[in-house]
Protein backbone atom coordinates (compact mmCIF):
# COMPACT_ATOMS: atom_id res chain seq x y z
CA MET A 1 104.87 85.41 -87.47
CA ALA A 2 100.78 85.49 -88.38
CA GLY A 3 101.71 81.01 -88.59
CA ASN A 4 102.77 80.84 -85.21
CA GLU A 5 99.99 82.85 -83.73
CA ASP A 6 97.41 80.61 -84.97
CA GLN A 7 99.09 77.01 -83.26
CA PRO A 8 96.98 75.87 -80.30
CA ILE A 9 99.27 76.06 -76.99
CA ILE A 10 98.96 72.99 -75.21
CA VAL A 11 98.64 72.61 -71.35
CA LYS A 12 100.58 69.65 -69.55
CA LYS A 13 98.70 68.75 -65.87
CA VAL A 14 100.73 66.20 -64.39
CA ILE A 15 98.10 65.07 -61.13
CA VAL A 16 100.33 63.55 -57.98
CA ALA A 17 98.10 60.14 -57.06
CA GLY A 18 98.89 60.95 -53.02
CA GLY A 19 102.21 59.46 -53.81
CA GLY A 20 106.17 61.18 -52.15
CA HIS A 21 107.41 60.95 -48.81
CA HIS A 22 104.22 62.12 -46.62
CA GLY A 23 101.80 59.50 -47.88
CA GLY A 24 101.04 56.50 -49.82
CA SER A 25 99.15 53.15 -49.83
CA TRP A 26 101.94 51.65 -47.89
CA LYS A 27 100.52 53.41 -44.90
CA VAL A 28 97.86 51.30 -44.80
CA ALA A 29 99.56 47.92 -45.23
CA TYR A 30 102.03 49.18 -42.45
CA ALA A 31 99.10 49.99 -39.85
CA ASP A 32 97.93 46.37 -40.79
CA PHE A 33 100.74 44.93 -39.65
CA VAL A 34 101.25 46.67 -36.34
CA THR A 35 98.07 45.57 -35.94
CA ALA A 36 98.61 42.20 -36.26
CA MET A 37 101.78 42.19 -34.21
CA MET A 38 99.99 44.12 -31.19
CA ALA A 39 97.49 41.41 -31.39
CA PHE A 40 100.08 38.35 -31.59
CA PHE A 41 102.12 40.22 -28.46
CA LEU A 42 98.59 40.22 -26.32
CA LEU A 43 97.88 36.52 -27.50
CA LEU A 44 101.29 35.51 -25.62
CA TRP A 45 100.60 38.13 -22.63
CA LEU A 46 97.44 36.43 -22.21
CA LEU A 47 98.80 32.98 -22.70
CA ASN A 48 101.47 34.09 -19.07
CA VAL A 49 99.20 35.24 -17.46
CA THR A 50 96.10 33.25 -17.39
CA THR A 51 95.36 30.16 -15.31
CA ASP A 52 94.70 26.58 -16.66
CA GLU A 53 90.86 27.56 -15.87
CA GLN A 54 90.88 30.54 -17.31
CA LYS A 55 92.39 29.15 -20.55
CA ASN A 56 89.83 26.55 -20.68
CA GLY A 57 86.92 29.21 -20.20
CA ILE A 58 88.73 31.51 -23.31
CA ALA A 59 88.84 28.20 -25.65
CA ASP A 60 84.98 27.08 -24.76
CA TYR A 61 83.41 30.47 -25.34
CA PHE A 62 85.53 31.06 -29.24
CA ALA A 63 84.40 26.87 -29.50
CA PRO A 64 81.21 26.92 -32.48
CA THR A 65 79.72 24.46 -29.89
CA ALA A 66 80.13 25.76 -26.69
CA VAL A 67 78.77 29.08 -26.96
CA SER A 68 78.65 30.92 -23.40
CA GLN A 69 75.04 31.69 -22.62
CA ARG A 70 75.95 33.89 -19.38
CA THR A 71 75.63 38.11 -19.92
CA SER A 72 76.97 38.42 -16.57
CA GLY A 73 80.86 39.66 -16.43
CA ALA A 74 80.83 37.63 -12.59
CA GLY A 75 80.06 34.39 -14.73
CA GLY A 76 81.67 34.77 -17.93
CA ILE A 77 84.96 33.62 -19.48
CA LEU A 78 87.11 34.83 -16.73
CA GLY A 79 84.73 34.60 -13.46
CA GLY A 80 85.13 38.38 -12.76
CA GLN A 81 89.27 37.41 -12.13
CA THR A 82 91.88 39.84 -13.22
CA MET A 83 94.31 37.74 -15.54
CA SER A 84 97.61 38.41 -13.21
CA VAL A 85 100.06 35.77 -11.77
CA ASP A 86 102.34 36.50 -8.33
CA GLY A 87 105.01 38.32 -9.53
CA ALA A 88 103.08 39.98 -12.51
CA ARG A 89 102.91 43.97 -12.71
CA LEU A 90 99.35 45.01 -10.57
CA SER A 91 97.45 48.18 -11.22
CA ASP A 92 96.25 49.95 -8.81
CA ARG A 93 93.28 50.26 -10.40
CA SER A 94 92.58 46.55 -11.06
CA SER A 95 90.37 44.32 -9.03
CA PRO A 96 92.38 41.81 -6.03
CA ALA A 97 93.72 38.76 -8.63
CA VAL A 98 91.93 35.48 -7.20
CA MET A 99 93.46 32.20 -8.44
CA LEU A 100 91.99 29.17 -8.20
CA GLU A 101 92.77 25.60 -8.58
CA LEU A 102 90.76 22.70 -8.93
CA ALA A 103 91.99 19.27 -7.61
CA PRO A 104 91.78 16.41 -10.15
CA PRO A 105 88.74 14.25 -9.11
CA GLU A 106 89.58 11.41 -6.73
CA LYS A 107 89.59 7.80 -7.97
CA ALA A 108 86.90 5.61 -6.04
CA THR A 109 87.69 2.81 -3.82
CA PRO A 110 86.52 -0.91 -4.46
CA VAL A 111 84.77 -0.33 -0.93
CA ASP A 112 83.08 3.14 -2.04
CA GLU A 113 82.23 1.46 -5.58
CA GLU A 114 80.38 -1.57 -3.11
CA ASN A 115 78.66 0.55 -1.59
CA GLN A 116 77.08 2.58 -4.22
CA ARG A 117 76.12 -0.71 -5.46
CA GLU A 118 74.59 -1.58 -2.76
CA GLU A 119 72.51 2.26 -2.90
CA ALA A 120 71.84 1.85 -6.38
CA GLY A 121 70.63 -1.37 -6.56
CA GLY A 122 68.78 -2.30 -3.34
CA GLY A 123 71.72 -3.83 -1.50
CA GLU A 124 73.14 -7.15 -2.03
CA ASP A 125 69.73 -9.05 -2.94
CA ALA A 126 70.56 -7.12 -6.54
CA GLU A 127 73.07 -9.03 -7.37
CA LEU A 128 72.35 -12.91 -6.28
CA THR A 129 71.99 -15.20 -8.85
CA GLU A 130 69.03 -17.31 -9.28
CA GLU A 131 70.24 -20.26 -6.76
CA GLU A 132 71.39 -18.26 -4.28
CA LEU A 133 68.17 -16.33 -3.92
CA LEU A 134 66.35 -19.82 -4.07
CA LYS A 135 68.05 -20.99 -1.20
CA ARG A 136 67.33 -17.83 1.03
CA LEU A 137 63.47 -17.97 -0.13
CA ALA A 138 63.80 -22.40 1.08
CA GLU A 139 65.93 -21.31 4.21
CA HIS A 140 63.21 -18.37 5.37
CA GLU A 141 60.54 -20.95 4.42
CA GLN A 142 62.29 -23.46 6.62
CA LYS A 143 62.45 -20.90 9.38
CA GLU A 144 58.56 -20.75 9.02
CA PHE A 145 58.03 -24.37 9.51
CA GLU A 146 60.19 -24.57 12.24
CA ALA A 147 58.09 -21.70 13.84
CA ALA A 148 55.22 -23.20 13.35
CA GLU A 149 56.27 -26.74 14.59
CA GLU A 150 56.97 -25.13 18.20
CA ALA A 151 53.79 -23.90 17.85
CA LEU A 152 52.08 -26.64 17.86
CA ARG A 153 53.95 -28.42 20.25
CA ASP A 154 52.93 -25.17 22.75
CA ALA A 155 49.12 -25.48 21.58
CA ILE A 156 49.31 -28.90 22.63
CA GLU A 157 50.60 -28.46 25.95
CA GLY A 158 48.55 -25.74 26.78
CA VAL A 159 45.19 -28.09 26.81
CA PRO A 160 45.02 -30.71 29.56
CA GLU A 161 42.40 -32.37 28.06
CA LEU A 162 44.96 -32.98 24.82
CA ALA A 163 48.22 -33.89 27.39
CA GLY A 164 47.50 -37.58 26.61
CA PHE A 165 48.05 -37.55 22.94
CA THR A 166 51.28 -35.93 22.87
CA GLU A 167 52.80 -38.70 21.89
CA GLN A 168 50.38 -39.55 19.14
CA LEU A 169 51.37 -36.04 16.88
CA VAL A 170 54.52 -36.43 14.89
CA VAL A 171 55.90 -33.47 12.87
CA GLU A 172 58.37 -34.35 10.59
CA ASN A 173 60.97 -32.03 8.39
CA THR A 174 60.49 -33.51 4.94
CA PRO A 175 61.24 -32.55 1.14
CA GLU A 176 57.70 -32.39 0.76
CA GLY A 177 57.09 -30.23 3.48
CA LEU A 178 56.48 -29.90 7.10
CA ARG A 179 54.49 -33.12 8.06
CA ILE A 180 51.94 -33.78 10.84
CA GLN A 181 50.69 -36.64 11.47
CA LEU A 182 47.61 -37.85 13.61
CA ILE A 183 48.91 -41.72 14.51
CA ASP A 184 46.55 -44.12 16.12
CA GLU A 185 47.39 -46.36 19.33
CA GLU A 186 46.66 -49.56 20.35
CA GLY A 187 43.50 -48.92 22.98
CA ARG A 188 43.75 -44.67 21.50
CA SER A 189 42.28 -44.28 18.03
CA MET A 190 41.68 -41.07 15.96
CA PHE A 191 38.74 -42.93 14.21
CA PRO A 192 35.87 -45.94 15.25
CA SER A 193 37.16 -49.17 13.94
CA GLY A 194 35.91 -49.17 10.41
CA ALA A 195 34.36 -45.89 10.46
CA ALA A 196 35.18 -42.05 8.93
CA GLY A 197 33.41 -40.56 11.33
CA MET A 198 36.10 -39.25 14.20
CA HIS A 199 36.63 -38.80 17.93
CA GLU A 200 36.26 -35.48 19.98
CA HIS A 201 39.44 -35.51 20.82
CA THR A 202 40.53 -35.75 17.28
CA ARG A 203 38.53 -32.36 16.07
CA GLN A 204 39.99 -30.82 18.70
CA LEU A 205 43.93 -31.43 17.54
CA LEU A 206 42.90 -30.70 14.01
CA ALA A 207 41.85 -27.51 15.50
CA LYS A 208 45.21 -27.11 17.12
CA VAL A 209 46.86 -28.28 13.91
CA ALA A 210 44.54 -25.58 12.17
CA GLU A 211 45.55 -22.62 14.16
CA VAL A 212 49.19 -23.72 13.65
CA ILE A 213 48.35 -24.06 9.61
CA GLN A 214 46.75 -20.81 9.74
CA ARG A 215 50.43 -18.60 10.57
CA VAL A 216 52.15 -19.64 6.87
CA PRO A 217 49.78 -19.34 3.76
CA ASN A 218 51.29 -22.80 2.09
CA GLN A 219 49.02 -25.25 0.40
CA VAL A 220 47.96 -28.36 2.08
CA ALA A 221 47.74 -32.12 1.43
CA ILE A 222 45.93 -34.49 3.36
CA SER A 223 46.29 -38.26 3.24
CA GLY A 224 44.52 -41.11 5.35
CA HIS A 225 46.09 -44.59 6.05
CA THR A 226 45.07 -47.54 7.13
CA ASP A 227 46.94 -50.65 8.67
CA ALA A 228 47.48 -53.74 6.76
CA THR A 229 45.16 -55.76 8.16
CA PRO A 230 42.66 -57.01 6.09
CA PHE A 231 38.92 -55.13 5.95
CA LYS A 232 36.00 -54.97 3.69
CA THR A 233 32.47 -54.82 3.86
CA LYS A 234 29.83 -57.00 1.76
CA ASP A 235 29.52 -54.16 -0.27
CA GLY A 236 32.88 -53.92 -1.44
CA TYR A 237 33.86 -51.00 1.03
CA GLY A 238 37.51 -51.38 2.10
CA ASN A 239 40.77 -49.89 3.32
CA TRP A 240 41.06 -47.41 0.05
CA GLU A 241 37.81 -45.94 0.54
CA LEU A 242 38.21 -45.93 4.72
CA SER A 243 41.38 -44.29 4.22
CA ALA A 244 39.69 -41.70 1.84
CA ASP A 245 37.52 -40.81 3.96
CA ARG A 246 39.16 -40.48 6.80
CA ALA A 247 41.20 -37.77 4.59
CA ASN A 248 38.17 -36.13 3.68
CA ALA A 249 36.80 -36.03 7.04
CA SER A 250 39.79 -34.18 8.33
CA ARG A 251 39.40 -31.70 5.45
CA ARG A 252 36.74 -30.96 6.57
CA ALA A 253 37.46 -30.15 10.22
CA LEU A 254 40.17 -28.36 9.50
CA ILE A 255 37.94 -25.95 7.21
CA ASP A 256 35.63 -25.95 10.00
CA ALA A 257 38.49 -24.80 12.20
CA GLY A 258 39.17 -22.13 9.91
CA ILE A 259 41.92 -22.59 6.61
CA ASP A 260 40.23 -21.43 3.89
CA PRO A 261 39.15 -24.45 1.30
CA ARG A 262 41.24 -23.07 -1.53
CA ARG A 263 44.25 -24.00 0.75
CA VAL A 264 43.52 -27.72 0.72
CA ALA A 265 45.82 -29.12 -2.72
CA SER A 266 45.01 -32.16 -2.30
CA VAL A 267 42.68 -34.78 -0.71
CA SER A 268 43.93 -38.70 -0.96
CA GLY A 269 43.54 -42.04 0.76
CA LYS A 270 46.57 -44.27 0.48
CA ALA A 271 45.19 -47.66 2.60
CA ASP A 272 48.38 -49.84 3.59
CA THR A 273 50.89 -48.51 0.97
CA GLU A 274 52.69 -46.60 3.02
CA PRO A 275 53.19 -47.84 6.62
CA TYR A 276 54.93 -45.46 9.26
CA LEU A 277 56.08 -48.86 10.59
CA PRO A 278 57.28 -50.71 7.97
CA ASP A 279 58.40 -54.06 9.96
CA ALA A 280 55.03 -54.06 11.72
CA PRO A 281 52.31 -53.51 8.85
CA ARG A 282 49.24 -54.77 10.96
CA ASP A 283 50.68 -52.29 14.00
CA ALA A 284 48.46 -49.55 14.89
CA GLY A 285 50.37 -47.04 14.39
CA ASN A 286 50.34 -47.45 10.76
CA ARG A 287 47.11 -45.70 10.76
CA ARG A 288 46.96 -41.93 10.77
CA ILE A 289 45.89 -38.74 9.17
CA ALA A 290 49.24 -37.02 7.25
CA ILE A 291 48.91 -33.17 6.78
CA THR A 292 51.58 -31.74 4.81
CA LEU A 293 51.82 -28.13 4.33
CA LEU A 294 53.58 -27.72 1.25
CA ARG A 295 57.03 -26.39 0.63
CA GLU A 296 56.38 -23.26 -2.07
CA VAL A 297 60.41 -23.38 -2.60
CA PRO A 298 62.03 -26.74 -3.77
CA LEU A 299 65.29 -27.53 -1.49
CA GLN A 300 68.00 -27.28 -3.23
CA GLY A 301 69.56 -30.26 -4.30
CA GLY A 302 67.01 -32.36 -5.18
CA PRO A 303 64.38 -34.20 -4.11
CA GLY A 304 65.67 -36.11 -0.80
CA SER A 305 68.19 -33.77 -0.71
CA ALA A 306 66.75 -32.57 3.29
CA PRO A 307 67.57 -35.25 5.84
CA ARG A 308 64.34 -37.00 7.22
CA VAL A 309 63.99 -35.29 10.83
CA GLY A 310 62.17 -36.15 13.66
CA PRO A 311 59.84 -34.61 15.64
CA ALA A 312 60.34 -31.75 17.78
CA PRO A 313 60.79 -32.14 21.88
CA GLY A 314 57.56 -33.61 23.64
CA ILE A 315 55.48 -34.39 20.54
CA GLY A 316 55.29 -38.01 19.15
CA ARG A 317 57.45 -40.78 18.83
CA PRO A 318 61.15 -40.88 17.13
CA PRO A 319 60.04 -41.83 13.04
CA PRO A 320 60.47 -45.56 12.12
CA THR A 321 64.25 -46.45 10.60
CA GLN A 322 63.73 -46.60 6.86
């Protein structure tokens, strides 16, 4: 017995770690599952009661590249609207539902597109080709020449002293430009025979021509012409020198009448090389001064595309047939 009393007593304690019917780790897993199901059914409900606009707003909100910058509920995802549709159960405390339907963008008609192009591009001129633009500029220049021709006729007819010289003033539209010619007649010349000093009526005619030239900005070419009658002085002065001197005298008269000297492009003497009356080379009508308003825009179709046009009614003789 004494040996048994010396033997140690061992007490074994069993610790229960949260198991049993009323607790355990399974409850945590079950709670996670219920939470996930609730979130899933909440998502289904949201998909059912929200409009397409609201769905797009939610998607944009959660998109990484489109973070909402607004902090107000009125301008946020749902724009302050309740997520309800017709027929759904409404809460007495909820705000009235607002349904928005956005119409698809209207397709632009061809007429609208054309109007937009005209407004953005400065009108139909923005689509003109280079050829069409040159054509319009040439037409505008031609109208200016026609207006200058009419103004010259009115200016000459308005001076009684020059009334008898209207038949000696010839205006022509040529491919080179608007050509104004002062032509001699038998017994009524623009310059004394064999001299470059002009008569007073010639100076008055050139002054009226200068008034018309000032209406347009074009450059001016001046040429002198003689008939084919042989003329030569002892020192060798002939028709070439005479025609050049008369052209230069006309240049000085135009400048004295107010023409800018920088507008004079050329002054030349042609002698009898370009007769006005080819069939009568010694006729007085071949003696003349030609003043040409040069075209800035070439006529479409190349040189010679414009027919030779006679003078305006009441001015000059008809041009000769060539």
